[in-house]
Protein backbone atom coordinates (compact mmCIF):
# COMPACT_ATOMS: atom_id res chain seq x y z
CA MET A 1 97.90 122.14 70.83
CA SER A 2 96.13 119.41 67.95
CA ASN A 3 93.10 117.77 69.59
CA LEU A 4 94.26 114.05 70.26
CA LEU A 5 90.10 112.50 70.61
CA GLU A 6 87.08 114.26 68.79
CA VAL A 7 83.24 112.95 69.37
CA ASN A 8 80.66 114.42 67.45
CA ASN A 9 76.71 114.25 68.05
CA LEU A 10 77.31 110.94 69.18
CA TYR A 11 74.17 108.93 69.90
CA LYS A 12 73.87 105.07 71.79
CA SER A 13 70.38 103.71 72.61
CA ILE A 14 70.60 100.29 75.01
CA LYS A 15 67.64 98.04 75.01
CA GLY A 16 65.49 100.96 73.56
CA LYS A 17 66.77 103.43 75.96
CA GLU A 18 68.47 106.65 74.97
CA ILE A 19 71.65 106.74 76.94
CA LEU A 20 73.60 109.16 74.87
CA ARG A 21 72.09 112.05 72.88
CA GLY A 22 74.10 114.21 70.87
CA VAL A 23 77.27 114.34 73.04
CA THR A 24 79.78 116.73 71.01
CA PHE A 25 83.25 117.71 72.65
CA LYS A 26 86.92 117.74 71.97
CA LEU A 27 90.03 116.69 74.22
CA GLU A 28 93.46 118.13 73.40
CA ARG A 29 96.94 116.48 73.67
CA GLY A 30 98.50 116.90 77.25
CA LYS A 31 95.32 117.46 78.97
CA VAL A 32 92.78 116.03 82.08
CA LEU A 33 88.87 115.86 80.98
CA GLY A 34 86.90 115.62 84.06
CA ILE A 35 83.50 113.76 83.03
CA MET A 36 80.69 114.66 85.64
CA GLY A 37 77.13 113.77 86.62
CA PRO A 38 75.19 111.19 88.81
CA ASN A 39 75.05 107.65 88.19
CA GLY A 40 73.07 106.56 85.32
CA GLN A 41 73.43 109.55 83.52
CA GLY A 42 75.72 108.16 81.06
CA LYS A 43 79.41 108.22 81.38
CA THR A 44 80.20 104.67 81.48
CA THR A 45 78.62 104.20 78.22
CA LEU A 46 80.33 107.17 77.11
CA LEU A 47 83.18 105.59 77.44
CA ASN A 48 82.54 102.10 76.57
CA THR A 49 82.09 103.91 73.13
CA ILE A 50 84.86 106.01 73.10
CA GLU A 51 87.09 102.20 73.59
CA GLY A 52 85.14 100.66 71.25
CA PHE A 53 83.42 98.22 73.41
CA LEU A 54 79.78 99.46 72.22
CA LYS A 55 78.88 100.40 68.63
CA ILE A 56 77.53 103.78 68.05
CA ASP A 57 74.10 104.42 67.12
CA SER A 58 75.21 107.66 65.09
CA GLY A 59 78.23 110.31 65.27
CA GLU A 60 81.41 109.89 64.93
CA ILE A 61 84.50 109.47 67.36
CA LYS A 62 87.87 110.02 66.60
CA LEU A 63 90.97 109.35 68.00
CA GLU A 64 93.99 111.31 66.04
CA GLU A 65 91.44 112.04 62.81
CA ASN A 66 91.43 108.03 63.09
CA ASN A 67 87.64 106.74 63.54
CA ILE A 68 87.14 103.81 66.41
CA SER A 69 88.38 100.71 65.47
CA ASN A 70 90.60 97.77 66.65
CA ILE A 71 93.82 100.45 65.93
CA THR A 72 92.68 103.13 68.27
CA LYS A 73 91.85 100.28 70.77
CA SER A 74 95.12 99.70 71.03
CA GLN A 75 96.26 103.24 71.64
CA ILE A 76 93.38 103.30 74.70
CA SER A 77 93.92 102.42 78.40
CA TYR A 78 90.62 102.05 79.95
CA LEU A 79 90.31 101.31 84.00
CA GLN A 80 86.55 99.57 84.26
CA ASP A 81 85.12 99.08 87.43
CA MET A 82 85.63 95.43 87.94
CA ASN A 83 87.96 92.84 88.04
CA ILE A 84 89.30 90.42 84.78
CA PHE A 85 91.28 88.47 86.48
CA ASN A 86 90.63 85.13 88.19
CA ARG A 87 90.50 85.60 91.73
CA SER A 88 93.18 82.81 92.78
CA MET A 89 95.49 84.06 90.27
CA LYS A 90 98.76 86.39 92.61
CA ILE A 91 99.13 89.80 91.54
CA LYS A 92 102.71 88.75 89.90
CA ASP A 93 100.71 85.78 87.53
CA ALA A 94 97.29 89.19 86.73
CA ILE A 95 100.81 91.55 85.64
CA ASN A 96 102.03 88.24 83.36
CA LEU A 97 98.69 88.06 81.61
CA TYR A 98 97.81 91.49 81.18
CA SER A 99 101.60 92.20 79.66
CA ASP A 100 100.60 89.39 77.07
CA PHE A 101 97.90 91.28 75.72
CA PHE A 102 99.39 94.58 75.81
CA ASN A 103 102.63 95.28 73.89
CA ASP A 104 102.95 98.90 75.16
CA PHE A 105 102.87 97.47 78.52
CA ASP A 106 105.99 98.94 80.97
CA ARG A 107 107.20 96.37 83.66
CA GLU A 108 109.51 98.79 85.29
CA LYS A 109 106.80 101.07 85.40
CA MET A 110 104.40 98.32 86.72
CA ASN A 111 106.62 97.40 89.63
CA TYR A 112 107.29 101.55 90.28
CA TYR A 113 103.58 101.44 90.95
CA LEU A 114 103.44 98.44 92.92
CA GLU A 115 106.10 99.76 95.48
CA PHE A 116 103.91 103.46 95.19
CA MET A 117 100.67 101.59 96.34
CA ASN A 118 102.14 99.03 98.61
CA LEU A 119 101.00 96.15 97.09
CA ASP A 120 102.96 92.78 97.43
CA LYS A 121 103.23 91.20 93.78
CA ASN A 122 102.39 87.53 96.06
CA LEU A 123 99.38 88.56 97.63
CA LYS A 124 96.37 86.84 95.15
CA ILE A 125 93.66 88.14 93.79
CA LYS A 126 90.84 87.14 96.15
CA ASP A 127 92.80 88.84 99.34
CA LEU A 128 92.61 92.31 98.25
CA SER A 129 90.59 94.50 99.66
CA LYS A 130 87.83 96.91 97.03
CA GLY A 131 90.48 99.66 97.69
CA MET A 132 93.80 97.33 97.27
CA MET A 133 91.86 96.05 93.56
CA GLU A 134 91.19 99.20 92.57
CA LYS A 135 94.95 100.44 93.49
CA PHE A 136 95.97 97.41 91.46
CA ASN A 137 93.79 98.27 88.48
CA LEU A 138 95.22 101.96 88.31
CA SER A 139 98.72 100.33 88.55
CA LEU A 140 98.35 98.27 85.43
CA THR A 141 96.26 100.99 83.03
CA LEU A 142 98.91 103.74 83.92
CA SER A 143 101.18 101.41 82.90
CA ARG A 144 100.84 101.31 79.27
CA LYS A 145 102.38 103.62 77.29
CA ALA A 146 98.85 104.64 75.88
CA LYS A 147 97.33 108.08 73.63
CA LEU A 148 94.48 107.94 75.83
CA PHE A 149 93.77 107.12 79.59
CA LEU A 150 89.84 106.23 80.55
CA LEU A 151 89.43 105.86 84.24
CA ASP A 152 86.43 105.07 85.05
CA GLU A 153 85.34 106.12 88.99
CA PRO A 154 89.05 105.68 90.03
CA ILE A 155 88.50 106.57 93.66
CA SER A 156 85.23 105.30 94.74
CA GLY A 157 85.65 102.56 96.63
CA VAL A 158 89.31 103.62 98.35
CA ASP A 159 89.62 105.74 101.58
CA PRO A 160 90.52 108.94 101.73
CA ALA A 161 94.40 108.83 102.33
CA SER A 162 94.76 106.76 99.57
CA ARG A 163 92.91 109.08 97.28
CA GLU A 164 95.19 111.26 97.74
CA LYS A 165 98.13 108.52 96.70
CA ILE A 166 95.92 107.64 93.75
CA LEU A 167 95.91 111.07 92.89
CA ASP A 168 99.71 111.57 92.61
CA ALA A 169 99.80 108.07 90.74
CA ILE A 170 97.66 110.08 88.59
CA LEU A 171 99.04 113.41 88.07
CA GLU A 172 102.77 111.75 87.81
CA ASN A 173 101.33 109.83 84.65
CA LEU A 174 100.79 112.96 82.87
CA SER A 175 102.70 113.75 79.79
CA GLU A 176 102.42 116.39 76.59
CA GLU A 177 101.61 113.41 74.31
CA SER A 178 98.84 111.72 76.22
CA SER A 179 95.42 112.87 76.99
CA MET A 180 92.77 111.40 80.16
CA ILE A 181 89.59 111.49 80.80
CA ILE A 182 88.31 110.79 84.45
CA THR A 183 84.25 110.19 85.13
CA THR A 184 84.01 110.62 88.61
CA HIS A 185 81.11 112.01 91.43
CA TYR A 186 83.61 112.64 94.11
CA ILE A 187 84.60 116.39 92.74
CA GLY A 188 85.99 117.53 95.60
CA GLU A 189 88.94 115.28 95.63
CA LEU A 190 89.70 115.26 91.81
CA GLU A 191 89.03 118.42 90.52
CA ARG A 192 92.76 120.56 91.23
CA ILE A 193 93.80 118.12 88.53
CA PHE A 194 91.42 118.61 85.78
CA ASP A 195 92.07 120.95 82.83
CA GLU A 196 88.77 120.74 81.24
CA VAL A 197 85.40 119.91 82.86
CA LEU A 198 82.23 118.73 81.05
CA PHE A 199 78.94 117.58 82.97
CA LEU A 200 76.41 115.28 81.33
CA GLY A 201 72.93 114.71 82.59
CA ASP A 202 70.32 112.77 81.14
CA GLY A 203 72.98 111.38 78.33
CA LYS A 204 73.84 115.74 76.96
CA VAL A 205 76.44 117.70 77.58
CA ILE A 206 74.86 120.32 80.23
CA GLU A 207 78.21 122.12 80.32
CA PHE A 208 81.28 122.06 78.75
CA GLY A 209 84.57 124.08 78.85
CA ASP A 210 87.62 124.75 80.38
CA ALA A 211 88.03 124.36 84.07
CA GLU A 212 89.32 128.02 85.35
CA GLU A 213 87.01 129.32 82.71
CA LEU A 214 84.04 127.64 84.46
CA ARG A 215 85.18 128.57 88.34
CA GLU A 216 85.52 132.50 86.73
CA LYS A 217 82.00 132.15 84.81
CA HIS A 218 80.23 130.31 87.75
CA GLN A 219 82.29 132.18 91.07
CA ALA A 220 82.18 128.79 91.91
CA SER A 221 84.44 126.23 92.51
CA ILE A 222 83.42 122.92 90.21
CA ASP A 223 81.96 121.01 93.22
CA ALA A 224 79.64 123.69 93.79
CA ILE A 225 78.79 123.65 90.16
CA TYR A 226 78.26 120.40 90.22
CA ARG A 227 76.00 120.82 93.30
CA LYS A 228 74.38 123.28 91.65
CA ILE A 229 73.63 121.82 88.42
CA PHE A 230 72.16 118.28 89.60
CA ALA A 231 70.09 120.10 92.57
CA GLU A 232 68.16 122.09 90.15
């Protein structure tokens, strides 16, 4: 398989503090990469540089061999841990607004996810719980026909039963033509869907590789490897 994304020797500082320090990895088409590390290690900053929200200090990011630009932004679907809608809006109005911004938005797919997630189109944003809001935002993100999906902590605010539903939705969305990056510190629930794993600590890649090969190397689950790395 060809590489969809390449990140080479990436550095990024914010307000004088170095957040990313020489991050390098590649992601093939059709693969799911889990990026793991405790809070404050640079995971969200990394996603923001890939999306193009943050300008890098040095290094290189390429999507299908193209440098990050307005063109690549349109090929990336990014789930952020924030609400971007007016709280007085109904879900159906938020969908209309979102679809105006993205030409690749698939309404049929969105309707499927609304039913799958048990979300009523007539509910107002202000009446959604944190878990419901996460399911709604994930539904929007997955309803685009993007090449790269970036999911920042997709299950952080939902109950265990809902987590399984969200994982099912993520798995259903995978295709051979697109790839996905998921940041998380909820390893146990998510590790079964990762093809590759990257451990990020203090802005550096501590270890990166095929998930199954890492399990074999360490004779442990990804969750156990995570606990060992960040307990030391």
